[in-house]
């Protein structure tokens, strides 16, 4: 009798662990359901591991991010243990924002840009640059493979314009 009770208690204590072990097949089915529900939201990656759903990607607003999470909940239902919404919201820059910024800060922008350009050029010792009225004028010689990197890094500091006519590649 004691042995039966012991087996019964042991089986009930193991049951929750057996239930929590999900097969990869059930995760794949859940992932397929969610991906189907999110078909109109291009660029959202769905990962499912043991019922835990992770959403990755980029969207243009917080409300879209919430809609994607709601669609995920509805598609997965009780099969979902948790949702990790790692979607990044990239708000589009309003048209003309860069020009307005330069108008507002006037001459102060040149000193800030000069500082930022000098930081970028630390990695490109063969290039020099001048900043005037928010426009970067670069000169020098650089390897072809590094030209795109230089341009992207200069664009990242958001100047009014970039003149790279004086930069030659070797």
C-alpha atoms as a PDB file:
ATOM      1  CA  UNK A   1       0.000   0.000   0.000  1.00  0.00           C
ATOM      2  CA  UNK A   2       2.809   2.398   0.874  1.00  0.00           C
ATOM      3  CA  UNK A   3       4.499   1.562  -2.411  1.00  0.00           C
ATOM      4  CA  UNK A   4       1.346   2.470  -4.380  1.00  0.00           C
ATOM      5  CA  UNK A   5       1.067   5.813  -2.577  1.00  0.00           C
ATOM      6  CA  UNK A   6       4.724   6.501  -3.209  1.00  0.00           C
ATOM      7  CA  UNK A   7       4.328   5.710  -6.931  1.00  0.00           C
ATOM      8  CA  UNK A   8       1.219   7.881  -7.137  1.00  0.00           C
ATOM      9  CA  UNK A   9       2.958  10.835  -5.473  1.00  0.00           C
ATOM     10  CA  UNK A  10       6.015  10.360  -7.657  1.00  0.00           C
ATOM     11  CA  UNK A  11       3.947  10.246 -10.859  1.00  0.00           C
ATOM     12  CA  UNK A  12       2.107  13.457  -9.938  1.00  0.00           C
ATOM     13  CA  UNK A  13       5.367  15.255  -9.161  1.00  0.00           C
ATOM     14  CA  UNK A  14       6.862  14.248 -12.540  1.00  0.00           C
ATOM     15  CA  UNK A  15       3.730  15.147 -14.544  1.00  0.00           C
ATOM     16  CA  UNK A  16       4.364  18.942 -14.665  1.00  0.00           C
ATOM     17  CA  UNK A  17       7.887  18.369 -15.976  1.00  0.00           C
ATOM     18  CA  UNK A  18       6.692  16.014 -18.696  1.00  0.00           C
ATOM     19  CA  UNK A  19       4.029  18.533 -19.733  1.00  0.00           C
ATOM     20  CA  UNK A  20       6.586  21.356 -19.958  1.00  0.00           C
ATOM     21  CA  UNK A  21       8.816  19.380 -22.326  1.00  0.00           C
ATOM     22  CA  UNK A  22       7.520  20.283 -25.737  1.00  0.00           C
ATOM     23  CA  UNK A  23       8.499  18.564 -28.906  1.00  0.00           C
ATOM     24  CA  UNK A  24      10.220  20.540 -31.631  1.00  0.00           C
ATOM     25  CA  UNK A  25       7.271  19.592 -33.844  1.00  0.00           C
ATOM     26  CA  UNK A  26       4.813  21.491 -31.637  1.00  0.00           C
ATOM     27  CA  UNK A  27       7.158  24.511 -31.621  1.00  0.00           C
ATOM     28  CA  UNK A  28       7.380  24.346 -35.419  1.00  0.00           C
ATOM     29  CA  UNK A  29       3.588  24.191 -35.730  1.00  0.00           C
ATOM     30  CA  UNK A  30       3.207  27.155 -33.380  1.00  0.00           C
ATOM     31  CA  UNK A  31       5.822  29.090 -35.339  1.00  0.00           C
ATOM     32  CA  UNK A  32       3.979  28.361 -38.608  1.00  0.00           C
ATOM     33  CA  UNK A  33       0.673  29.553 -37.138  1.00  0.00           C
ATOM     34  CA  UNK A  34       2.222  32.802 -35.939  1.00  0.00           C
ATOM     35  CA  UNK A  35       4.088  33.422 -39.201  1.00  0.00           C
ATOM     36  CA  UNK A  36       0.838  32.925 -41.122  1.00  0.00           C
ATOM     37  CA  UNK A  37      -0.928  35.424 -38.860  1.00  0.00           C
ATOM     38  CA  UNK A  38       1.904  37.922 -39.388  1.00  0.00           C
ATOM     39  CA  UNK A  39       2.174  37.416 -43.164  1.00  0.00           C
ATOM     40  CA  UNK A  40       1.218  41.052 -43.824  1.00  0.00           C
ATOM     41  CA  UNK A  41       3.971  42.306 -41.478  1.00  0.00           C
ATOM     42  CA  UNK A  42       7.059  41.762 -43.626  1.00  0.00           C
ATOM     43  CA  UNK A  43      10.434  41.608 -41.900  1.00  0.00           C
ATOM     44  CA  UNK A  44       9.242  40.199 -38.572  1.00  0.00           C
ATOM     45  CA  UNK A  45      11.203  37.103 -37.542  1.00  0.00           C
ATOM     46  CA  UNK A  46       9.516  34.567 -35.268  1.00  0.00           C
ATOM     47  CA  UNK A  47      11.436  32.120 -33.086  1.00  0.00           C
ATOM     48  CA  UNK A  48       9.765  29.558 -30.840  1.00  0.00           C
ATOM     49  CA  UNK A  49      11.508  27.470 -28.217  1.00  0.00           C
ATOM     50  CA  UNK A  50       9.513  25.354 -25.784  1.00  0.00           C
ATOM     51  CA  UNK A  51       6.472  27.587 -26.264  1.00  0.00           C
ATOM     52  CA  UNK A  52       8.407  30.808 -25.672  1.00  0.00           C
ATOM     53  CA  UNK A  53       7.961  33.127 -28.649  1.00  0.00           C
ATOM     54  CA  UNK A  54      10.529  35.765 -29.619  1.00  0.00           C
ATOM     55  CA  UNK A  55       9.662  38.462 -32.150  1.00  0.00           C
ATOM     56  CA  UNK A  56      12.463  40.377 -33.889  1.00  0.00           C
ATOM     57  CA  UNK A  57      12.459  43.005 -36.611  1.00  0.00           C
ATOM     58  CA  UNK A  58      11.760  46.666 -37.245  1.00  0.00           C
ATOM     59  CA  UNK A  59       8.509  48.578 -37.585  1.00  0.00           C
ATOM     60  CA  UNK A  60       7.585  52.228 -38.033  1.00  0.00           C
ATOM     61  CA  UNK A  61       5.431  52.726 -34.910  1.00  0.00           C
ATOM     62  CA  UNK A  62       4.674  51.507 -31.401  1.00  0.00           C
ATOM     63  CA  UNK A  63       1.079  50.796 -32.389  1.00  0.00           C
ATOM     64  CA  UNK A  64       2.236  48.403 -35.147  1.00  0.00           C
ATOM     65  CA  UNK A  65       4.505  46.697 -32.626  1.00  0.00           C
ATOM     66  CA  UNK A  66       1.495  46.146 -30.340  1.00  0.00           C
ATOM     67  CA  UNK A  67      -0.654  44.885 -33.236  1.00  0.00           C
ATOM     68  CA  UNK A  68       2.004  42.287 -34.078  1.00  0.00           C
ATOM     69  CA  UNK A  69       2.106  41.139 -30.464  1.00  0.00           C
ATOM     70  CA  UNK A  70      -1.710  40.864 -30.327  1.00  0.00           C
ATOM     71  CA  UNK A  71      -1.792  38.874 -33.574  1.00  0.00           C
ATOM     72  CA  UNK A  72       0.852  36.572 -32.106  1.00  0.00           C
ATOM     73  CA  UNK A  73      -1.221  35.992 -28.947  1.00  0.00           C
ATOM     74  CA  UNK A  74      -4.346  35.285 -30.977  1.00  0.00           C
ATOM     75  CA  UNK A  75      -2.583  32.883 -33.345  1.00  0.00           C
ATOM     76  CA  UNK A  76      -0.808  30.899 -30.635  1.00  0.00           C
ATOM     77  CA  UNK A  77      -3.421  30.953 -27.911  1.00  0.00           C
ATOM     78  CA  UNK A  78      -2.658  28.725 -24.940  1.00  0.00           C
ATOM     79  CA  UNK A  79       0.311  27.127 -26.683  1.00  0.00           C
ATOM     80  CA  UNK A  80       2.323  30.279 -25.939  1.00  0.00           C
ATOM     81  CA  UNK A  81       4.133  30.370 -22.595  1.00  0.00           C
ATOM     82  CA  UNK A  82       5.593  33.839 -23.092  1.00  0.00           C
ATOM     83  CA  UNK A  83       6.227  36.463 -25.764  1.00  0.00           C
ATOM     84  CA  UNK A  84       9.475  38.408 -25.964  1.00  0.00           C
ATOM     85  CA  UNK A  85       8.749  41.359 -28.230  1.00  0.00           C
ATOM     86  CA  UNK A  86      12.175  42.589 -29.383  1.00  0.00           C
ATOM     87  CA  UNK A  87      10.781  44.569 -32.311  1.00  0.00           C
ATOM     88  CA  UNK A  88      12.597  47.878 -32.732  1.00  0.00           C
ATOM     89  CA  UNK A  89      10.537  50.948 -33.577  1.00  0.00           C
ATOM     90  CA  UNK A  90      12.298  53.125 -36.154  1.00  0.00           C
ATOM     91  CA  UNK A  91      10.335  56.291 -36.552  1.00  0.00           C
ATOM     92  CA  UNK A  92      10.872  57.771 -39.999  1.00  0.00           C
ATOM     93  CA  UNK A  93      12.633  61.123 -40.010  1.00  0.00           C
ATOM     94  CA  UNK A  94      10.101  63.811 -40.929  1.00  0.00           C
ATOM     95  CA  UNK A  95      10.678  65.322 -44.349  1.00  0.00           C
ATOM     96  CA  UNK A  96      12.802  68.438 -44.110  1.00  0.00           C
ATOM     97  CA  UNK A  97      13.791  67.750 -40.478  1.00  0.00           C
ATOM     98  CA  UNK A  98      17.505  67.932 -41.195  1.00  0.00           C
ATOM     99  CA  UNK A  99      17.172  71.323 -42.893  1.00  0.00           C
ATOM    100  CA  UNK A 100      15.012  72.686 -40.042  1.00  0.00           C
ATOM    101  CA  UNK A 101      17.595  71.484 -37.539  1.00  0.00           C
ATOM    102  CA  UNK A 102      20.364  73.312 -39.371  1.00  0.00           C
ATOM    103  CA  UNK A 103      18.263  76.497 -39.564  1.00  0.00           C
ATOM    104  CA  UNK A 104      17.530  76.404 -35.834  1.00  0.00           C
ATOM    105  CA  UNK A 105      21.065  75.864 -34.583  1.00  0.00           C
ATOM    106  CA  UNK A 106      22.758  78.022 -37.204  1.00  0.00           C
ATOM    107  CA  UNK A 107      26.540  78.311 -36.838  1.00  0.00           C
ATOM    108  CA  UNK A 108      26.693  76.063 -33.777  1.00  0.00           C
ATOM    109  CA  UNK A 109      26.145  73.085 -36.030  1.00  0.00           C
ATOM    110  CA  UNK A 110      29.519  73.558 -37.741  1.00  0.00           C
ATOM    111  CA  UNK A 111      31.486  73.200 -34.516  1.00  0.00           C
ATOM    112  CA  UNK A 112      29.491  70.113 -33.524  1.00  0.00           C
ATOM    113  CA  UNK A 113      29.869  68.611 -36.993  1.00  0.00           C
ATOM    114  CA  UNK A 114      33.599  69.386 -37.027  1.00  0.00           C
ATOM    115  CA  UNK A 115      33.999  67.521 -33.742  1.00  0.00           C
ATOM    116  CA  UNK A 116      32.035  64.524 -35.068  1.00  0.00           C
ATOM    117  CA  UNK A 117      33.873  64.540 -38.419  1.00  0.00           C
ATOM    118  CA  UNK A 118      37.231  64.558 -36.620  1.00  0.00           C
ATOM    119  CA  UNK A 119      36.143  61.505 -34.627  1.00  0.00           C
ATOM    120  CA  UNK A 120      35.207  59.687 -37.840  1.00  0.00           C
ATOM    121  CA  UNK A 121      38.464  60.677 -39.543  1.00  0.00           C
ATOM    122  CA  UNK A 122      40.537  59.145 -36.743  1.00  0.00           C
ATOM    123  CA  UNK A 123      39.927  55.832 -38.549  1.00  0.00           C
ATOM    124  CA  UNK A 124      40.795  57.367 -41.949  1.00  0.00           C
ATOM    125  CA  UNK A 125      44.167  59.137 -41.472  1.00  0.00           C
ATOM    126  CA  UNK A 126      44.638  59.880 -45.194  1.00  0.00           C
ATOM    127  CA  UNK A 127      41.439  61.965 -45.363  1.00  0.00           C
ATOM    128  CA  UNK A 128      40.929  65.564 -44.246  1.00  0.00           C
ATOM    129  CA  UNK A 129      37.678  67.497 -44.122  1.00  0.00           C
ATOM    130  CA  UNK A 130      36.301  70.983 -43.655  1.00  0.00           C
ATOM    131  CA  UNK A 131      32.823  71.873 -42.403  1.00  0.00           C
ATOM    132  CA  UNK A 132      31.033  75.002 -43.565  1.00  0.00           C
ATOM    133  CA  UNK A 133      27.334  75.754 -43.173  1.00  0.00           C
ATOM    134  CA  UNK A 134      26.612  72.129 -42.309  1.00  0.00           C
ATOM    135  CA  UNK A 135      28.330  70.726 -45.405  1.00  0.00           C
ATOM    136  CA  UNK A 136      31.328  68.403 -45.089  1.00  0.00           C
ATOM    137  CA  UNK A 137      33.975  68.761 -47.804  1.00  0.00           C
ATOM    138  CA  UNK A 138      36.377  65.818 -47.719  1.00  0.00           C
ATOM    139  CA  UNK A 139      39.729  65.488 -49.507  1.00  0.00           C
ATOM    140  CA  UNK A 140      42.450  62.874 -49.626  1.00  0.00           C
ATOM    141  CA  UNK A 141      43.204  59.405 -50.874  1.00  0.00           C
ATOM    142  CA  UNK A 142      41.582  56.199 -49.612  1.00  0.00           C
ATOM    143  CA  UNK A 143      41.366  52.522 -50.542  1.00  0.00           C
ATOM    144  CA  UNK A 144      38.325  51.654 -52.659  1.00  0.00           C
ATOM    145  CA  UNK A 145      37.144  49.121 -50.086  1.00  0.00           C
ATOM    146  CA  UNK A 146      36.973  51.808 -47.380  1.00  0.00           C
ATOM    147  CA  UNK A 147      35.161  54.469 -49.430  1.00  0.00           C
ATOM    148  CA  UNK A 148      31.626  53.226 -48.633  1.00  0.00           C
ATOM    149  CA  UNK A 149      32.444  52.914 -44.950  1.00  0.00           C
ATOM    150  CA  UNK A 150      33.701  56.508 -44.830  1.00  0.00           C
ATOM    151  CA  UNK A 151      30.628  57.826 -46.610  1.00  0.00           C
ATOM    152  CA  UNK A 152      28.204  55.898 -44.363  1.00  0.00           C
ATOM    153  CA  UNK A 153      29.939  57.093 -41.214  1.00  0.00           C
ATOM    154  CA  UNK A 154      29.852  60.700 -42.396  1.00  0.00           C
ATOM    155  CA  UNK A 155      26.163  60.367 -43.322  1.00  0.00           C
ATOM    156  CA  UNK A 156      25.469  58.938 -39.865  1.00  0.00           C
ATOM    157  CA  UNK A 157      26.388  62.245 -38.205  1.00  0.00           C
ATOM    158  CA  UNK A 158      23.639  63.895 -40.305  1.00  0.00           C
ATOM    159  CA  UNK A 159      25.342  66.792 -42.065  1.00  0.00           C
ATOM    160  CA  UNK A 160      23.392  69.059 -44.382  1.00  0.00           C
ATOM    161  CA  UNK A 161      25.481  67.625 -47.219  1.00  0.00           C
ATOM    162  CA  UNK A 162      28.673  65.757 -48.064  1.00  0.00           C
ATOM    163  CA  UNK A 163      31.077  66.699 -50.864  1.00  0.00           C
ATOM    164  CA  UNK A 164      33.506  63.854 -51.548  1.00  0.00           C
ATOM    165  CA  UNK A 165      34.687  65.050 -54.971  1.00  0.00           C
ATOM    166  CA  UNK A 166      38.151  65.667 -53.528  1.00  0.00           C
ATOM    167  CA  UNK A 167      38.500  62.066 -52.327  1.00  0.00           C
ATOM    168  CA  UNK A 168      40.291  59.712 -54.685  1.00  0.00           C
ATOM    169  CA  UNK A 169      40.430  55.964 -54.327  1.00  0.00           C
ATOM    170  CA  UNK A 170      43.327  53.685 -54.967  1.00  0.00           C
END
